[in-house]
């Protein structure tokens, strides 16, 4: 006899929003825990309109995405304006979808995973505006295949789907500055990780979700998501590299809250983890972190703490250790080195690093790298009549850079 399924969409959204128990969500909504338990059942009842609004505001998704089906002739309350992702959905809605009674062959899992791996590799060189719609389309296909596969094939599709949503969110957040859309996308990735029962993908997704409130100054919310990420990492036997990255994520959130001492302690713990290592293998999809990147996190924190000589040494070493393929990260490190020189009162050296960052960005666009350059230019306001700063402005505001920045 097959086990009755629960409303995993609502449960995943609840956990991702920081409500780690049904009781916590019930208290936030002012209802009994039995009501939440019914909503998370396999046949959730349609909530009252005021509770619909409360659910969508608390969990950040509309009712259908939370696993509810409206009764005939009823519409859900609390609908929010959606991202560009909905445009894709609406267009796909007009396309006939294969009946869920048809089961796809076992080979579908490997075929879908192969495209996922290709997108992962393409991310490092293809323009984000070109890659993003393709990744989103692949994810939408994965949602269809998830309903047409069973057993291990379904689990394989769910795992690749979670990785695809994770990549789509990374493009939205780091490359296109679409923070709200990224948060929604990563939540879908968390739901897919739940379907795949892949705790490490769940940990990676939750840690990425911590960036959204962390960069916005909502440290408490970011901390909740990091705690959840660490919990999933323990369940999945995380390798040292992933655990060190969790330290780096938390350190960045603390740094942006001006808690640089705490951040440096976390980075030191991450360095100890990498030095000790463990026997657990690193997943193939975990390709955005390394020891030099941990050093880049450290250098940025030292910079913000005002430890300029240490930041210069750390960032210079990180730049030397980055591989040629890590072009996006190189623009970030060059921007931070420019910021070190600007803070140290050397506008000429600051501009030299900033121009190198712009050269890198011209080859491989990265919004996070451009943000660093713009921050440096702001620090150079007092020197804006200097020839080096004017030359930087010529590069910063030439046709290609200006149009590219505005188009993205």
Protein backbone atom coordinates (compact mmCIF):
# COMPACT_ATOMS: atom_id res chain seq x y z
CA UNK A 1 0.00 0.00 0.00
CA UNK A 2 1.45 3.38 -1.01
CA UNK A 3 2.02 5.94 1.74
CA UNK A 4 -0.36 8.91 1.73
CA UNK A 5 1.50 12.05 0.67
CA UNK A 6 1.38 15.30 2.63
CA UNK A 7 1.34 18.90 1.43
CA UNK A 8 5.12 19.15 1.08
CA UNK A 9 4.88 22.54 -0.64
CA UNK A 10 3.43 24.20 2.44
CA UNK A 11 5.77 22.36 4.77
CA UNK A 12 8.87 23.36 2.75
CA UNK A 13 7.72 26.99 2.56
CA UNK A 14 7.08 27.01 6.32
CA UNK A 15 10.57 25.72 7.12
CA UNK A 16 12.25 28.07 4.63
CA UNK A 17 10.45 31.05 6.20
CA UNK A 18 11.85 30.14 9.61
CA UNK A 19 8.81 28.40 11.14
CA UNK A 20 10.43 25.11 12.05
CA UNK A 21 7.33 23.58 13.62
CA UNK A 22 3.62 23.56 12.92
CA UNK A 23 3.11 25.15 16.33
CA UNK A 24 5.33 28.13 15.38
CA UNK A 25 3.31 28.83 12.23
CA UNK A 26 0.04 28.38 14.12
CA UNK A 27 1.11 30.97 16.68
CA UNK A 28 2.16 33.42 13.95
CA UNK A 29 -1.25 33.07 12.28
CA UNK A 30 -3.28 33.00 15.50
CA UNK A 31 -4.84 29.61 14.76
CA UNK A 32 -4.69 26.21 16.40
CA UNK A 33 -1.93 23.76 15.50
CA UNK A 34 -4.62 21.31 14.36
CA UNK A 35 -5.51 23.76 11.58
CA UNK A 36 -1.92 23.86 10.35
CA UNK A 37 -1.78 20.07 10.53
CA UNK A 38 -4.85 19.87 8.29
CA UNK A 39 -3.28 22.28 5.79
CA UNK A 40 -0.17 20.10 5.62
CA UNK A 41 -2.19 16.97 4.98
CA UNK A 42 -2.57 15.35 1.56
CA UNK A 43 -5.99 17.05 1.12
CA UNK A 44 -5.61 20.54 2.61
CA UNK A 45 -8.90 22.44 3.05
CA UNK A 46 -9.28 25.85 1.37
CA UNK A 47 -8.55 28.53 4.02
CA UNK A 48 -10.73 31.51 4.86
CA UNK A 49 -9.77 34.66 2.82
CA UNK A 50 -8.14 36.45 5.77
CA UNK A 51 -6.01 33.39 6.49
CA UNK A 52 -5.08 33.16 2.80
CA UNK A 53 -3.72 36.71 2.98
CA UNK A 54 -1.81 35.93 6.17
CA UNK A 55 -0.31 32.75 4.71
CA UNK A 56 0.87 34.41 1.50
CA UNK A 57 2.41 37.33 3.39
CA UNK A 58 4.20 35.12 5.91
CA UNK A 59 5.47 32.49 3.47
CA UNK A 60 6.01 34.58 0.35
CA UNK A 61 4.05 32.45 -2.15
CA UNK A 62 0.51 32.37 -3.46
CA UNK A 63 -2.00 29.74 -2.38
CA UNK A 64 -1.56 27.43 -5.37
CA UNK A 65 2.21 27.41 -4.85
CA UNK A 66 1.61 26.50 -1.21
CA UNK A 67 -0.22 23.35 -2.31
CA UNK A 68 -3.82 24.51 -2.03
CA UNK A 69 -6.44 23.95 -4.75
CA UNK A 70 -9.24 26.55 -4.87
CA UNK A 71 -12.81 25.24 -4.99
CA UNK A 72 -14.62 25.81 -8.32
CA UNK A 73 -15.45 29.47 -8.82
CA UNK A 74 -13.22 30.64 -5.96
CA UNK A 75 -10.07 32.76 -6.20
CA UNK A 76 -7.31 33.00 -3.66
CA UNK A 77 -6.74 36.15 -1.64
CA UNK A 78 -3.39 37.71 -1.00
CA UNK A 79 -2.01 37.24 -4.49
CA UNK A 80 1.16 39.23 -5.06
CA UNK A 81 2.59 40.66 -8.26
CA UNK A 82 4.78 37.92 -9.60
CA UNK A 83 8.20 37.93 -11.17
CA UNK A 84 9.11 37.34 -14.78
CA UNK A 85 8.92 33.66 -13.93
CA UNK A 86 5.13 33.87 -14.17
CA UNK A 87 5.36 35.02 -17.78
CA UNK A 88 7.08 31.74 -18.52
CA UNK A 89 4.41 29.82 -16.65
CA UNK A 90 1.56 31.52 -18.49
CA UNK A 91 3.10 30.76 -21.85
CA UNK A 92 3.66 27.16 -20.83
CA UNK A 93 0.07 26.86 -19.66
CA UNK A 94 -1.08 27.07 -23.26
CA UNK A 95 1.10 24.11 -24.25
CA UNK A 96 -0.56 20.68 -23.93
CA UNK A 97 1.11 18.79 -21.10
CA UNK A 98 1.59 15.06 -21.29
CA UNK A 99 -0.85 13.15 -19.13
CA UNK A 100 0.51 12.19 -15.73
CA UNK A 101 -0.83 8.71 -16.46
CA UNK A 102 2.13 8.32 -18.86
CA UNK A 103 5.36 7.28 -17.14
CA UNK A 104 8.61 8.45 -18.72
CA UNK A 105 11.43 5.92 -19.31
CA UNK A 106 14.25 5.52 -16.83
CA UNK A 107 16.65 7.30 -19.22
CA UNK A 108 14.82 10.58 -18.62
CA UNK A 109 16.63 11.04 -15.30
CA UNK A 110 20.08 10.88 -16.90
CA UNK A 111 19.04 13.02 -19.87
CA UNK A 112 17.61 15.76 -17.67
CA UNK A 113 20.70 15.66 -15.43
CA UNK A 114 23.01 16.03 -18.44
CA UNK A 115 21.40 19.35 -19.39
CA UNK A 116 21.58 20.47 -15.77
CA UNK A 117 25.33 19.77 -15.74
CA UNK A 118 25.76 21.72 -18.99
CA UNK A 119 23.99 24.75 -17.55
CA UNK A 120 26.20 24.55 -14.45
CA UNK A 121 29.30 24.76 -16.63
CA UNK A 122 27.88 27.47 -18.91
CA UNK A 123 27.18 29.73 -15.93
CA UNK A 124 30.83 30.73 -15.64
CA UNK A 125 31.11 32.18 -19.14
CA UNK A 126 27.69 32.77 -20.73
CA UNK A 127 25.98 36.14 -20.27
CA UNK A 128 23.39 35.85 -17.47
CA UNK A 129 20.63 37.45 -19.55
CA UNK A 130 21.14 34.75 -22.17
CA UNK A 131 21.45 31.81 -19.78
CA UNK A 132 18.70 32.73 -17.33
CA UNK A 133 15.63 32.06 -19.53
CA UNK A 134 17.13 28.77 -20.67
CA UNK A 135 17.68 27.61 -17.09
CA UNK A 136 14.16 28.66 -16.14
CA UNK A 137 12.74 26.74 -19.10
CA UNK A 138 14.72 23.67 -18.07
CA UNK A 139 13.31 23.94 -14.56
CA UNK A 140 9.77 24.17 -15.90
CA UNK A 141 10.41 21.02 -17.92
CA UNK A 142 11.65 19.35 -14.74
CA UNK A 143 8.38 20.21 -12.99
CA UNK A 144 6.51 18.39 -15.77
CA UNK A 145 8.85 15.38 -15.66
CA UNK A 146 8.49 15.17 -11.90
CA UNK A 147 4.83 14.34 -12.40
CA UNK A 148 5.63 11.74 -15.04
CA UNK A 149 8.33 9.72 -13.27
CA UNK A 150 8.39 7.29 -10.36
CA UNK A 151 10.85 5.71 -7.97
CA UNK A 152 14.55 6.41 -8.42
CA UNK A 153 13.97 8.15 -11.73
CA UNK A 154 11.66 10.64 -10.03
CA UNK A 155 14.22 11.15 -7.27
CA UNK A 156 16.92 11.78 -9.89
CA UNK A 157 14.75 14.33 -11.69
CA UNK A 158 13.93 16.03 -8.38
CA UNK A 159 17.62 16.30 -7.51
CA UNK A 160 18.52 17.84 -10.88
CA UNK A 161 15.48 20.12 -10.63
CA UNK A 162 16.62 21.36 -7.22
CA UNK A 163 20.07 22.08 -8.64
CA UNK A 164 18.51 23.91 -11.59
CA UNK A 165 16.38 26.14 -9.34
CA UNK A 166 19.51 26.76 -7.24
CA UNK A 167 21.41 27.92 -10.32
CA UNK A 168 18.51 30.06 -11.54
CA UNK A 169 18.39 31.78 -8.15
CA UNK A 170 22.15 32.39 -8.22
CA UNK A 171 21.83 34.09 -11.60
CA UNK A 172 18.94 36.21 -10.34
CA UNK A 173 20.65 37.23 -7.11
CA UNK A 174 24.33 37.60 -7.95
CA UNK A 175 24.20 38.43 -11.66
CA UNK A 176 20.90 40.24 -12.23
CA UNK A 177 20.16 41.73 -8.79
CA UNK A 178 16.64 40.23 -8.67
CA UNK A 179 16.61 39.48 -4.94
CA UNK A 180 12.88 38.88 -4.49
CA UNK A 181 12.73 36.61 -7.52
CA UNK A 182 15.79 34.70 -6.27
CA UNK A 183 14.15 34.10 -2.90
CA UNK A 184 11.07 32.62 -4.61
CA UNK A 185 13.21 30.53 -6.95
CA UNK A 186 15.33 29.11 -4.13
CA UNK A 187 12.18 28.17 -2.25
CA UNK A 188 11.16 26.07 -5.26
CA UNK A 189 14.63 24.53 -5.15
CA UNK A 190 14.10 23.66 -1.49
CA UNK A 191 10.82 21.97 -2.36
CA UNK A 192 12.55 19.93 -5.08
CA UNK A 193 15.35 18.98 -2.66
CA UNK A 194 12.65 17.70 -0.32
CA UNK A 195 11.23 15.55 -3.12
CA UNK A 196 14.73 14.22 -3.81
CA UNK A 197 15.43 13.73 -0.10
CA UNK A 198 18.77 15.45 -0.75
CA UNK A 199 19.82 17.12 2.49
CA UNK A 200 22.97 18.73 1.07
CA UNK A 201 21.06 20.45 -1.72
CA UNK A 202 18.60 21.58 0.93
CA UNK A 203 21.45 22.99 3.01
CA UNK A 204 22.97 24.79 0.04
CA UNK A 205 19.61 26.27 -0.94
CA UNK A 206 18.79 27.48 2.58
CA UNK A 207 22.23 29.08 2.91
CA UNK A 208 21.71 30.94 -0.36
CA UNK A 209 18.33 32.09 0.94
CA UNK A 210 20.15 33.60 3.93
CA UNK A 211 21.87 36.05 1.59
CA UNK A 212 18.56 37.77 0.80
CA UNK A 213 17.77 39.04 4.32
CA UNK A 214 21.48 39.18 5.19
CA UNK A 215 22.27 41.69 2.46
CA UNK A 216 19.16 43.64 3.43
CA UNK A 217 20.22 44.01 7.06
CA UNK A 218 17.70 41.53 8.49
CA UNK A 219 20.26 39.55 10.45
CA UNK A 220 17.80 37.63 12.64
CA UNK A 221 16.01 36.23 9.59
CA UNK A 222 19.30 35.38 7.93
CA UNK A 223 20.47 33.61 11.10
CA UNK A 224 17.36 31.43 11.16
CA UNK A 225 17.98 30.28 7.61
CA UNK A 226 21.64 29.55 8.34
CA UNK A 227 20.66 27.47 11.38
CA UNK A 228 18.31 25.49 9.14
CA UNK A 229 21.09 25.08 6.54
CA UNK A 230 23.51 23.75 9.16
CA UNK A 231 20.86 21.30 10.37
CA UNK A 232 20.36 19.89 6.87
CA UNK A 233 24.13 19.74 6.36
CA UNK A 234 24.51 17.54 9.46
CA UNK A 235 21.84 15.18 8.15
CA UNK A 236 23.62 14.86 4.82
CA UNK A 237 27.19 14.21 6.00
CA UNK A 238 28.49 17.48 4.54
CA UNK A 239 32.11 17.69 3.34
CA UNK A 240 34.45 20.17 5.00
CA UNK A 241 34.33 22.47 1.99
CA UNK A 242 30.55 22.91 2.25
CA UNK A 243 30.72 23.43 6.02
CA UNK A 244 33.40 26.10 5.52
CA UNK A 245 31.16 27.78 2.97
CA UNK A 246 28.33 27.90 5.52
CA UNK A 247 30.75 29.71 7.83
CA UNK A 248 31.57 32.12 5.00
CA UNK A 249 27.89 32.81 4.29
CA UNK A 250 27.20 33.56 7.94
CA UNK A 251 30.36 35.67 8.09
CA UNK A 252 29.22 37.79 5.16
CA UNK A 253 25.84 38.41 6.80
CA UNK A 254 27.61 39.39 10.04
CA UNK A 255 30.00 41.63 8.12
CA UNK A 256 27.14 43.50 6.48
CA UNK A 257 25.71 44.02 9.97
CA UNK A 258 29.10 45.51 11.02
CA UNK A 259 29.86 42.53 13.27
CA UNK A 260 33.31 42.05 11.79
CA UNK A 261 34.84 40.39 14.87
CA UNK A 262 32.18 37.68 14.80
CA UNK A 263 32.65 37.33 11.05
CA UNK A 264 36.42 36.87 11.33
CA UNK A 265 35.90 34.23 14.02
CA UNK A 266 33.55 32.34 11.68
CA UNK A 267 36.04 32.55 8.81
CA UNK A 268 38.77 31.28 11.12
CA UNK A 269 36.57 28.30 11.94
CA UNK A 270 36.09 27.71 8.22
CA UNK A 271 39.86 27.77 7.69
CA UNK A 272 40.26 25.17 10.46
CA UNK A 273 37.65 22.96 8.81
CA UNK A 274 39.48 23.08 5.48
CA UNK A 275 42.80 22.33 7.17
CA UNK A 276 41.37 19.31 8.99
CA UNK A 277 39.18 18.04 6.14
CA UNK A 278 36.93 15.00 6.38
CA UNK A 279 36.18 11.87 4.38
CA UNK A 280 32.90 13.01 2.87
CA UNK A 281 32.95 13.65 -0.91
CA UNK A 282 32.16 17.06 -2.40
CA UNK A 283 29.04 17.00 -4.64
CA UNK A 284 29.67 17.82 -8.29
CA UNK A 285 27.21 20.73 -8.15
CA UNK A 286 29.13 22.44 -5.35
CA UNK A 287 31.42 24.37 -7.69
CA UNK A 288 31.25 27.96 -6.40
CA UNK A 289 33.58 27.76 -3.39
CA UNK A 290 37.23 27.00 -2.68
CA UNK A 291 40.00 27.95 -0.27
CA UNK A 292 40.90 31.07 -2.30
CA UNK A 293 37.26 32.14 -2.20
CA UNK A 294 37.23 31.76 1.57
CA UNK A 295 40.27 34.03 1.57
CA UNK A 296 38.31 36.52 -0.54
CA UNK A 297 35.53 36.52 2.09
CA UNK A 298 38.18 37.10 4.76
CA UNK A 299 39.81 39.96 2.86
CA UNK A 300 36.47 41.73 2.41
CA UNK A 301 35.75 41.43 6.13
CA UNK A 302 39.21 42.74 7.01
CA UNK A 303 38.59 45.65 4.67
CA UNK A 304 35.28 46.53 6.32
CA UNK A 305 36.89 46.17 9.74
CA UNK A 306 39.54 48.73 8.73
CA UNK A 307 42.42 46.23 8.82
CA UNK A 308 43.87 47.52 5.58
CA UNK A 309 47.37 45.92 5.54
CA UNK A 310 45.88 42.52 6.37
CA UNK A 311 43.13 42.95 3.78
CA UNK A 312 45.66 43.88 1.10
CA UNK A 313 47.76 40.78 1.84
CA UNK A 314 44.78 38.43 2.03
CA UNK A 315 43.10 39.70 -1.13
CA UNK A 316 46.33 39.74 -3.13
CA UNK A 317 46.99 36.12 -2.19
CA UNK A 318 43.40 35.16 -3.06
CA UNK A 319 43.71 36.83 -6.46
CA UNK A 320 46.90 34.93 -7.21
CA UNK A 321 45.31 31.61 -6.20
CA UNK A 322 42.09 31.95 -8.19
CA UNK A 323 42.03 29.83 -11.32
CA UNK A 324 41.65 31.40 -14.74
CA UNK A 325 38.10 30.07 -14.97
CA UNK A 326 37.00 32.00 -11.86
CA UNK A 327 36.53 35.23 -13.79
CA UNK A 328 33.50 36.46 -11.91
CA UNK A 329 35.21 36.14 -8.55
CA UNK A 330 38.30 37.91 -9.91
CA UNK A 331 36.23 41.04 -10.58
CA UNK A 332 35.02 41.00 -6.96
CA UNK A 333 38.52 40.60 -5.51
CA UNK A 334 39.91 43.33 -7.79
CA UNK A 335 37.10 45.60 -6.64
CA UNK A 336 37.93 44.90 -3.00
CA UNK A 337 41.63 45.59 -3.61
CA UNK A 338 40.60 48.90 -5.18
CA UNK A 339 38.56 49.65 -2.06
CA UNK A 340 41.60 48.92 0.15
CA UNK A 341 43.71 51.44 -1.75
CA UNK A 342 40.90 54.02 -1.74
CA UNK A 343 40.53 53.66 2.04
CA UNK A 344 44.32 53.94 2.39
CA UNK A 345 44.35 57.27 0.53
CA UNK A 346 45.93 56.08 -2.73
CA UNK A 347 43.49 56.99 -5.53
CA UNK A 348 45.95 56.06 -8.29
CA UNK A 349 46.32 52.46 -7.07
CA UNK A 350 42.57 52.28 -6.39
CA UNK A 351 41.79 53.31 -9.95
CA UNK A 352 44.27 50.83 -11.37
CA UNK A 353 42.55 47.95 -9.61
CA UNK A 354 39.10 49.28 -10.53
CA UNK A 355 40.05 49.46 -14.21
CA UNK A 356 41.31 45.88 -14.06
CA UNK A 357 37.97 44.89 -12.58
CA UNK A 358 36.15 46.65 -15.42
CA UNK A 359 38.35 44.82 -17.94
CA UNK A 360 37.27 41.57 -16.30
CA UNK A 361 33.61 42.60 -16.28
CA UNK A 362 33.77 43.42 -19.97
CA UNK A 363 34.73 39.80 -20.63
CA UNK A 364 32.34 38.23 -18.09
CA UNK A 365 29.54 40.32 -16.63
CA UNK A 366 28.87 40.00 -12.90
CA UNK A 367 26.61 42.45 -11.09
CA UNK A 368 28.31 41.76 -7.76
CA UNK A 369 31.66 42.76 -9.27
CA UNK A 370 30.21 45.93 -10.74
CA UNK A 371 28.75 46.82 -7.36
CA UNK A 372 32.26 46.71 -5.91
CA UNK A 373 33.57 49.10 -8.57
CA UNK A 374 30.72 51.54 -8.01
CA UNK A 375 31.37 51.50 -4.26
CA UNK A 376 35.02 52.35 -4.90
CA UNK A 377 34.07 55.24 -7.19
CA UNK A 378 31.87 56.61 -4.42
CA UNK A 379 34.84 56.49 -2.05
CA UNK A 380 36.86 58.52 -4.55
CA UNK A 381 34.51 61.52 -4.62
CA UNK A 382 37.09 63.68 -2.84
CA UNK A 383 39.59 62.89 -5.64
CA UNK A 384 37.25 63.16 -8.61
CA UNK A 385 39.28 65.94 -10.25
CA UNK A 386 42.36 63.74 -10.31
CA UNK A 387 43.28 62.45 -13.80
CA UNK A 388 43.19 58.81 -12.64
CA UNK A 389 39.59 59.18 -11.40
CA UNK A 390 38.52 60.91 -14.59
CA UNK A 391 40.09 58.08 -16.58
CA UNK A 392 38.15 55.62 -14.42
CA UNK A 393 34.94 57.52 -15.18
CA UNK A 394 35.68 57.28 -18.89
CA UNK A 395 35.80 53.51 -18.51
CA UNK A 396 32.94 53.26 -16.04
CA UNK A 397 30.60 55.29 -18.22
CA UNK A 398 31.59 54.30 -21.73
CA UNK A 399 28.86 53.12 -24.07
CA UNK A 400 29.35 49.39 -23.61
CA UNK A 401 29.55 49.47 -19.80
CA UNK A 402 26.64 51.87 -19.33
CA UNK A 403 24.30 50.08 -21.72
CA UNK A 404 25.24 46.66 -20.31
CA UNK A 405 24.66 47.76 -16.73
CA UNK A 406 21.29 49.34 -17.49
CA UNK A 407 20.14 46.43 -19.65
CA UNK A 408 20.80 44.00 -16.83
